[in-house]
PDB file of N, CA and C in Angstrom:
ATOM      1  N   MET A   1     100.226 187.686 205.040  1.00  0.00           N
ATOM      2  CA  MET A   1      98.987 187.432 204.341  1.00  0.00           C
ATOM      3  C   MET A   1      99.262 186.833 202.956  1.00  0.00           C
ATOM      4  N   LYS A   2     100.310 187.361 202.265  1.00  0.00           N
ATOM      5  CA  LYS A   2     100.643 186.821 200.947  1.00  0.00           C
ATOM      6  C   LYS A   2     101.062 185.353 201.058  1.00  0.00           C
ATOM      7  N   LYS A   3     101.823 185.049 202.107  1.00  0.00           N
ATOM      8  CA  LYS A   3     102.286 183.672 202.289  1.00  0.00           C
ATOM      9  C   LYS A   3     101.103 182.745 202.524  1.00  0.00           C
ATOM     10  N   LEU A   4     100.112 183.218 203.280  1.00  0.00           N
ATOM     11  CA  LEU A   4      98.921 182.420 203.533  1.00  0.00           C
ATOM     12  C   LEU A   4      98.166 182.159 202.236  1.00  0.00           C
ATOM     13  N   ALA A   5      98.019 183.191 201.407  1.00  0.00           N
ATOM     14  CA  ALA A   5      97.313 183.035 200.137  1.00  0.00           C
ATOM     15  C   ALA A   5      98.054 182.084 199.208  1.00  0.00           C
ATOM     16  N   LEU A   6      99.376 182.205 199.158  1.00  0.00           N
ATOM     17  CA  LEU A   6     100.161 181.320 198.305  1.00  0.00           C
ATOM     18  C   LEU A   6     100.109 179.887 198.799  1.00  0.00           C
ATOM     19  N   THR A   7     100.142 179.715 200.115  1.00  0.00           N
ATOM     20  CA  THR A   7     100.057 178.376 200.685  1.00  0.00           C
ATOM     21  C   THR A   7      98.699 177.756 200.379  1.00  0.00           C
ATOM     22  N   LEU A   8      97.650 178.543 200.517  1.00  0.00           N
ATOM     23  CA  LEU A   8      96.310 178.060 200.214  1.00  0.00           C
ATOM     24  C   LEU A   8      96.188 177.690 198.742  1.00  0.00           C
ATOM     25  N   ALA A   9      96.736 178.507 197.868  1.00  0.00           N
ATOM     26  CA  ALA A   9      96.698 178.211 196.438  1.00  0.00           C
ATOM     27  C   ALA A   9      97.457 176.919 196.144  1.00  0.00           C
ATOM     28  N   MET A  10      98.569 176.717 196.825  1.00  0.00           N
ATOM     29  CA  MET A  10      99.347 175.507 196.612  1.00  0.00           C
ATOM     30  C   MET A  10      98.564 174.277 197.072  1.00  0.00           C
ATOM     31  N   ILE A  11      97.915 174.381 198.219  1.00  0.00           N
ATOM     32  CA  ILE A  11      97.146 173.257 198.744  1.00  0.00           C
ATOM     33  C   ILE A  11      95.986 172.918 197.817  1.00  0.00           C
ATOM     34  N   LEU A  12      95.315 173.941 197.306  1.00  0.00           N
ATOM     35  CA  LEU A  12      94.164 173.724 196.444  1.00  0.00           C
ATOM     36  C   LEU A  12      94.552 173.425 194.998  1.00  0.00           C
ATOM     37  N   GLY A  13      95.818 173.628 194.677  1.00  0.00           N
ATOM     38  CA  GLY A  13      96.276 173.351 193.315  1.00  0.00           C
ATOM     39  C   GLY A  13      95.917 174.449 192.334  1.00  0.00           C
ATOM     40  N   LEU A  14      95.683 175.651 192.825  1.00  0.00           N
ATOM     41  CA  LEU A  14      95.332 176.765 191.952  1.00  0.00           C
ATOM     42  C   LEU A  14      96.585 177.523 191.563  1.00  0.00           C
ATOM     43  N   GLY A  15      96.840 177.751 190.344  1.00  0.00           N
ATOM     44  CA  GLY A  15      97.958 178.583 189.945  1.00  0.00           C
ATOM     45  C   GLY A  15      99.190 177.851 189.490  1.00  0.00           C
ATOM     46  N   GLY A  16      99.420 176.652 189.911  1.00  0.00           N
ATOM     47  CA  GLY A  16     100.536 175.869 189.421  1.00  0.00           C
ATOM     48  C   GLY A  16     101.907 176.370 189.823  1.00  0.00           C
ATOM     49  N   VAL A  17     102.014 177.211 190.830  1.00  0.00           N
ATOM     50  CA  VAL A  17     103.300 177.726 191.269  1.00  0.00           C
ATOM     51  C   VAL A  17     103.529 177.218 192.678  1.00  0.00           C
ATOM     52  N   THR A  18     104.656 176.605 192.907  1.00  0.00           N
ATOM     53  CA  THR A  18     104.920 176.125 194.247  1.00  0.00           C
ATOM     54  C   THR A  18     105.317 177.283 195.137  1.00  0.00           C
ATOM     55  N   PHE A  19     105.126 177.120 196.421  1.00  0.00           N
ATOM     56  CA  PHE A  19     105.420 178.159 197.397  1.00  0.00           C
ATOM     57  C   PHE A  19     106.890 178.562 197.347  1.00  0.00           C
ATOM     58  N   VAL A  20     107.774 177.625 197.188  1.00  0.00           N
ATOM     59  CA  VAL A  20     109.204 177.916 197.168  1.00  0.00           C
ATOM     60  C   VAL A  20     109.550 178.811 195.982  1.00  0.00           C
ATOM     61  N   GLN A  21     109.000 178.521 194.821  1.00  0.00           N
ATOM     62  CA  GLN A  21     109.284 179.347 193.651  1.00  0.00           C
ATOM     63  C   GLN A  21     108.749 180.747 193.841  1.00  0.00           C
ATOM     64  N   ALA A  22     107.526 180.870 194.299  1.00  0.00           N
ATOM     65  CA  ALA A  22     106.885 182.172 194.408  1.00  0.00           C
ATOM     66  C   ALA A  22     107.575 183.066 195.431  1.00  0.00           C
ATOM     67  N   GLN A  23     107.985 182.523 196.551  1.00  0.00           N
ATOM     68  CA  GLN A  23     108.578 183.376 197.565  1.00  0.00           C
ATOM     69  C   GLN A  23     109.953 183.879 197.145  1.00  0.00           C
ATOM     70  N   ASP A  24     110.611 183.222 196.219  1.00  0.00           N
ATOM     71  CA  ASP A  24     111.933 183.637 195.769  1.00  0.00           C
ATOM     72  C   ASP A  24     111.899 184.752 194.730  1.00  0.00           C
ATOM     73  N   LEU A  25     110.758 185.063 194.187  1.00  0.00           N
ATOM     74  CA  LEU A  25     110.673 186.060 193.130  1.00  0.00           C
ATOM     75  C   LEU A  25     110.599 187.476 193.677  1.00  0.00           C
ATOM     76  N   SER A  26     111.490 188.332 193.209  1.00  0.00           N
ATOM     77  CA  SER A  26     111.408 189.735 193.600  1.00  0.00           C
ATOM     78  C   SER A  26     110.229 190.411 192.903  1.00  0.00           C
ATOM     79  N   CYS A  27     109.694 189.776 191.876  1.00  0.00           N
ATOM     80  CA  CYS A  27     108.528 190.312 191.159  1.00  0.00           C
ATOM     81  C   CYS A  27     107.341 190.516 192.099  1.00  0.00           C
ATOM     82  N   LEU A  28     107.286 189.673 193.127  1.00  0.00           N
ATOM     83  CA  LEU A  28     106.134 189.712 194.021  1.00  0.00           C
ATOM     84  C   LEU A  28     106.185 190.863 195.019  1.00  0.00           C
ATOM     85  N   LYS A  29     107.208 191.693 194.928  1.00  0.00           N
ATOM     86  CA  LYS A  29     107.214 192.914 195.732  1.00  0.00           C
ATOM     87  C   LYS A  29     106.173 193.886 195.189  1.00  0.00           C
ATOM     88  N   CYS A  30     105.971 193.873 193.887  1.00  0.00           N
ATOM     89  CA  CYS A  30     104.977 194.755 193.255  1.00  0.00           C
ATOM     90  C   CYS A  30     103.778 193.972 192.719  1.00  0.00           C
ATOM     91  N   HIS A  31     104.058 192.875 192.011  1.00  0.00           N
ATOM     92  CA  HIS A  31     102.975 192.026 191.504  1.00  0.00           C
ATOM     93  C   HIS A  31     102.429 191.245 192.702  1.00  0.00           C
ATOM     94  N   THR A  32     101.133 191.301 192.907  1.00  0.00           N
ATOM     95  CA  THR A  32     100.554 190.683 194.100  1.00  0.00           C
ATOM     96  C   THR A  32     100.445 189.170 193.996  1.00  0.00           C
ATOM     97  N   SER A  33     100.569 188.632 192.806  1.00  0.00           N
ATOM     98  CA  SER A  33     100.456 187.192 192.611  1.00  0.00           C
ATOM     99  C   SER A  33     101.339 186.769 191.451  1.00  0.00           C
ATOM    100  N   ALA A  34     101.810 185.539 191.498  1.00  0.00           N
ATOM    101  CA  ALA A  34     102.614 185.005 190.402  1.00  0.00           C
ATOM    102  C   ALA A  34     101.732 184.478 189.268  1.00  0.00           C
ATOM    103  N   ASN A  35     100.449 184.306 189.516  1.00  0.00           N
ATOM    104  CA  ASN A  35      99.550 183.714 188.515  1.00  0.00           C
ATOM    105  C   ASN A  35      99.509 184.460 187.183  1.00  0.00           C
ATOM    106  N   PRO A  36      99.470 185.805 187.151  1.00  0.00           N
ATOM    107  CA  PRO A  36      99.414 186.483 185.851  1.00  0.00           C
ATOM    108  C   PRO A  36     100.765 186.621 185.144  1.00  0.00           C
ATOM    109  N   LEU A  37     101.853 186.261 185.788  1.00  0.00           N
ATOM    110  CA  LEU A  37     103.172 186.450 185.179  1.00  0.00           C
ATOM    111  C   LEU A  37     103.355 185.697 183.864  1.00  0.00           C
ATOM    112  N   PRO A  38     102.907 184.446 183.725  1.00  0.00           N
ATOM    113  CA  PRO A  38     103.066 183.785 182.426  1.00  0.00           C
ATOM    114  C   PRO A  38     102.365 184.535 181.287  1.00  0.00           C
ATOM    115  N   ASP A  39     101.176 185.072 181.555  1.00  0.00           N
ATOM    116  CA  ASP A  39     100.459 185.828 180.526  1.00  0.00           C
ATOM    117  C   ASP A  39     101.177 187.125 180.189  1.00  0.00           C
ATOM    118  N   LYS A  40     101.703 187.798 181.198  1.00  0.00           N
ATOM    119  CA  LYS A  40     102.429 189.047 180.966  1.00  0.00           C
ATOM    120  C   LYS A  40     103.695 188.799 180.138  1.00  0.00           C
ATOM    121  N   ILE A  41     104.386 187.710 180.431  1.00  0.00           N
ATOM    122  CA  ILE A  41     105.595 187.377 179.674  1.00  0.00           C
ATOM    123  C   ILE A  41     105.218 187.049 178.234  1.00  0.00           C
ATOM    124  N   LYS A  42     104.135 186.295 178.061  1.00  0.00           N
ATOM    125  CA  LYS A  42     103.687 185.936 176.716  1.00  0.00           C
ATOM    126  C   LYS A  42     103.306 187.184 175.908  1.00  0.00           C
ATOM    127  N   LYS A  43     102.611 188.126 176.545  1.00  0.00           N
ATOM    128  CA  LYS A  43     102.205 189.361 175.859  1.00  0.00           C
ATOM    129  C   LYS A  43     103.393 190.227 175.478  1.00  0.00           C
ATOM    130  N   SER A  44     104.496 190.096 176.210  1.00  0.00           N
ATOM    131  CA  SER A  44     105.681 190.887 175.897  1.00  0.00           C
ATOM    132  C   SER A  44     106.309 190.456 174.570  1.00  0.00           C
ATOM    133  N   GLY A  45     106.048 189.212 174.178  1.00  0.00           N
ATOM    134  CA  GLY A  45     106.612 188.690 172.942  1.00  0.00           C
ATOM    135  C   GLY A  45     108.043 188.197 173.091  1.00  0.00           C
ATOM    136  N   ALA A  46     108.551 188.165 174.296  1.00  0.00           N
ATOM    137  CA  ALA A  46     109.934 187.740 174.542  1.00  0.00           C
ATOM    138  C   ALA A  46     110.083 186.241 174.309  1.00  0.00           C
ATOM    139  N   LYS A  47     111.077 185.882 173.524  1.00  0.00           N
ATOM    140  CA  LYS A  47     111.373 184.475 173.244  1.00  0.00           C
ATOM    141  C   LYS A  47     112.560 183.968 174.054  1.00  0.00           C
ATOM    142  N   SER A  48     113.223 184.882 174.765  1.00  0.00           N
ATOM    143  CA  SER A  48     114.366 184.501 175.600  1.00  0.00           C
ATOM    144  C   SER A  48     114.395 185.421 176.818  1.00  0.00           C
ATOM    145  N   ALA A  49     115.195 185.032 177.795  1.00  0.00           N
ATOM    146  CA  ALA A  49     115.314 185.842 178.999  1.00  0.00           C
ATOM    147  C   ALA A  49     115.907 187.211 178.681  1.00  0.00           C
ATOM    148  N   ALA A  50     116.868 187.254 177.766  1.00  0.00           N
ATOM    149  CA  ALA A  50     117.480 188.533 177.389  1.00  0.00           C
ATOM    150  C   ALA A  50     116.467 189.458 176.724  1.00  0.00           C
ATOM    151  N   GLU A  51     115.582 188.898 175.908  1.00  0.00           N
ATOM    152  CA  GLU A  51     114.543 189.706 175.273  1.00  0.00           C
ATOM    153  C   GLU A  51     113.564 190.248 176.309  1.00  0.00           C
ATOM    154  N   LEU A  52     113.269 189.465 177.340  1.00  0.00           N
ATOM    155  CA  LEU A  52     112.376 189.940 178.389  1.00  0.00           C
ATOM    156  C   LEU A  52     113.018 191.086 179.162  1.00  0.00           C
ATOM    157  N   VAL A  53     114.297 190.973 179.466  1.00  0.00           N
ATOM    158  CA  VAL A  53     115.008 192.057 180.155  1.00  0.00           C
ATOM    159  C   VAL A  53     114.928 193.329 179.318  1.00  0.00           C
ATOM    160  N   GLU A  54     115.211 193.215 178.029  1.00  0.00           N
ATOM    161  CA  GLU A  54     115.174 194.385 177.147  1.00  0.00           C
ATOM    162  C   GLU A  54     113.771 194.993 177.088  1.00  0.00           C
ATOM    163  N   PHE A  55     112.747 194.137 176.963  1.00  0.00           N
ATOM    164  CA  PHE A  55     111.377 194.633 176.907  1.00  0.00           C
ATOM    165  C   PHE A  55     111.019 195.386 178.190  1.00  0.00           C
ATOM    166  N   LEU A  56     111.295 194.773 179.334  1.00  0.00           N
ATOM    167  CA  LEU A  56     110.904 195.391 180.602  1.00  0.00           C
ATOM    168  C   LEU A  56     111.647 196.689 180.878  1.00  0.00           C
ATOM    169  N   ARG A  57     112.884 196.785 180.419  1.00  0.00           N
ATOM    170  CA  ARG A  57     113.693 197.977 180.683  1.00  0.00           C
ATOM    171  C   ARG A  57     113.478 199.097 179.671  1.00  0.00           C
ATOM    172  N   LYS A  58     113.075 198.748 178.429  1.00  0.00           N
ATOM    173  CA  LYS A  58     113.019 199.777 177.378  1.00  0.00           C
ATOM    174  C   LYS A  58     111.646 199.984 176.752  1.00  0.00           C
ATOM    175  N   LYS A  59     110.757 198.981 176.805  1.00  0.00           N
ATOM    176  CA  LYS A  59     109.499 199.083 176.077  1.00  0.00           C
ATOM    177  C   LYS A  59     108.261 198.937 176.954  1.00  0.00           C
ATOM    178  N   SER A  60     108.427 198.493 178.154  1.00  0.00           N
ATOM    179  CA  SER A  60     107.306 198.247 179.060  1.00  0.00           C
ATOM    180  C   SER A  60     106.690 199.571 179.521  1.00  0.00           C
ATOM    181  N   PRO A  61     105.365 199.580 179.718  1.00  0.00           N
ATOM    182  CA  PRO A  61     104.742 200.785 180.282  1.00  0.00           C
ATOM    183  C   PRO A  61     105.274 201.116 181.687  1.00  0.00           C
ATOM    184  N   LYS A  62     105.791 200.138 182.376  1.00  0.00           N
ATOM    185  CA  LYS A  62     106.341 200.330 183.721  1.00  0.00           C
ATOM    186  C   LYS A  62     107.866 200.200 183.707  1.00  0.00           C
ATOM    187  N   GLN A  63     108.505 200.693 182.650  1.00  0.00           N
ATOM    188  CA  GLN A  63     109.940 200.496 182.502  1.00  0.00           C
ATOM    189  C   GLN A  63     110.756 201.111 183.641  1.00  0.00           C
ATOM    190  N   ALA A  64     110.315 202.213 184.198  1.00  0.00           N
ATOM    191  CA  ALA A  64     111.073 202.833 185.289  1.00  0.00           C
ATOM    192  C   ALA A  64     111.097 201.928 186.522  1.00  0.00           C
ATOM    193  N   LEU A  65     109.993 201.266 186.800  1.00  0.00           N
ATOM    194  CA  LEU A  65     109.945 200.352 187.947  1.00  0.00           C
ATOM    195  C   LEU A  65     110.810 199.122 187.710  1.00  0.00           C
ATOM    196  N   HIS A  66     110.826 198.624 186.496  1.00  0.00           N
ATOM    197  CA  HIS A  66     111.585 197.408 186.203  1.00  0.00           C
ATOM    198  C   HIS A  66     113.091 197.638 186.182  1.00  0.00           C
ATOM    199  N   LYS A  67     113.529 198.888 186.136  1.00  0.00           N
ATOM    200  CA  LYS A  67     114.968 199.162 186.178  1.00  0.00           C
ATOM    201  C   LYS A  67     115.571 198.843 187.537  1.00  0.00           C
ATOM    202  N   THR A  68     114.729 198.749 188.559  1.00  0.00           N
ATOM    203  CA  THR A  68     115.235 198.441 189.902  1.00  0.00           C
ATOM    204  C   THR A  68     115.363 196.936 190.139  1.00  0.00           C
ATOM    205  N   VAL A  69     114.833 196.122 189.225  1.00  0.00           N
ATOM    206  CA  VAL A  69     114.904 194.662 189.342  1.00  0.00           C
ATOM    207  C   VAL A  69     116.174 194.186 188.637  1.00  0.00           C
ATOM    208  N   THR A  70     116.892 193.286 189.253  1.00  0.00           N
ATOM    209  CA  THR A  70     118.141 192.818 188.645  1.00  0.00           C
ATOM    210  C   THR A  70     117.861 191.951 187.419  1.00  0.00           C
ATOM    211  N   ASP A  71     118.824 191.912 186.512  1.00  0.00           N
ATOM    212  CA  ASP A  71     118.718 191.057 185.329  1.00  0.00           C
ATOM    213  C   ASP A  71     118.515 189.600 185.745  1.00  0.00           C
ATOM    214  N   GLU A  72     119.221 189.199 186.781  1.00  0.00           N
ATOM    215  CA  GLU A  72     119.140 187.816 187.253  1.00  0.00           C
ATOM    216  C   GLU A  72     117.715 187.460 187.695  1.00  0.00           C
ATOM    217  N   ASP A  73     117.054 188.369 188.384  1.00  0.00           N
ATOM    218  CA  ASP A  73     115.687 188.110 188.839  1.00  0.00           C
ATOM    219  C   ASP A  73     114.713 188.030 187.667  1.00  0.00           C
ATOM    220  N   ILE A  74     114.891 188.885 186.681  1.00  0.00           N
ATOM    221  CA  ILE A  74     114.023 188.844 185.499  1.00  0.00           C
ATOM    222  C   ILE A  74     114.247 187.540 184.740  1.00  0.00           C
ATOM    223  N   LYS A  75     115.498 187.140 184.614  1.00  0.00           N
ATOM    224  CA  LYS A  75     115.813 185.890 183.921  1.00  0.00           C
ATOM    225  C   LYS A  75     115.250 184.687 184.672  1.00  0.00           C
ATOM    226  N   LYS A  76     115.286 184.730 186.011  1.00  0.00           N
ATOM    227  CA  LYS A  76     114.727 183.652 186.813  1.00  0.00           C
ATOM    228  C   LYS A  76     113.213 183.556 186.582  1.00  0.00           C
ATOM    229  N   ALA A  77     112.543 184.690 186.527  1.00  0.00           N
ATOM    230  CA  ALA A  77     111.104 184.704 186.271  1.00  0.00           C
ATOM    231  C   ALA A  77     110.800 184.138 184.882  1.00  0.00           C
ATOM    232  N   PHE A  78     111.622 184.468 183.895  1.00  0.00           N
ATOM    233  CA  PHE A  78     111.413 183.934 182.543  1.00  0.00           C
ATOM    234  C   PHE A  78     111.574 182.422 182.545  1.00  0.00           C
ATOM    235  N   GLU A  79     112.597 181.933 183.233  1.00  0.00           N
ATOM    236  CA  GLU A  79     112.827 180.483 183.286  1.00  0.00           C
ATOM    237  C   GLU A  79     111.652 179.765 183.940  1.00  0.00           C
ATOM    238  N   GLN A  80     111.059 180.370 184.966  1.00  0.00           N
ATOM    239  CA  GLN A  80     109.964 179.731 185.686  1.00  0.00           C
ATOM    240  C   GLN A  80     108.627 179.856 184.959  1.00  0.00           C
ATOM    241  N   PHE A  81     108.397 180.980 184.310  1.00  0.00           N
ATOM    242  CA  PHE A  81     107.065 181.250 183.770  1.00  0.00           C
ATOM    243  C   PHE A  81     107.000 181.460 182.260  1.00  0.00           C
ATOM    244  N   GLY A  82     108.112 181.753 181.631  1.00  0.00           N
ATOM    245  CA  GLY A  82     108.097 182.087 180.207  1.00  0.00           C
ATOM    246  C   GLY A  82     107.929 180.905 179.282  1.00  0.00           C
ATOM    247  N   LYS A  83     108.148 179.713 179.763  1.00  0.00           N
ATOM    248  CA  LYS A  83     108.098 178.523 178.908  1.00  0.00           C
ATOM    249  C   LYS A  83     106.781 177.775 179.020  1.00  0.00           C
ATOM    250  N   LYS A  84     105.815 178.359 179.723  1.00  0.00           N
ATOM    251  CA  LYS A  84     104.535 177.683 179.917  1.00  0.00           C
ATOM    252  C   LYS A  84     103.563 178.025 178.823  1.00  0.00           C
TER     253      LYS A  84
END
């Protein structure tokens, strides 16, 4: 169902995330959509991927959940969404 929604969003041009990028994110195991990720990264105040890792692991309200996500996956999400 998630793949169908992402494909539909890609076809309609909603969200600006390609299907290939979205399916590769481990973030989407918990976050139901990639669309709010740029806003969440912006609200964190992180200016680099390392700062985002630190925020999610030590200062985030969901820090316990983010400890199960690898640094590499968080950095990949920052590269894709943090610069928008």
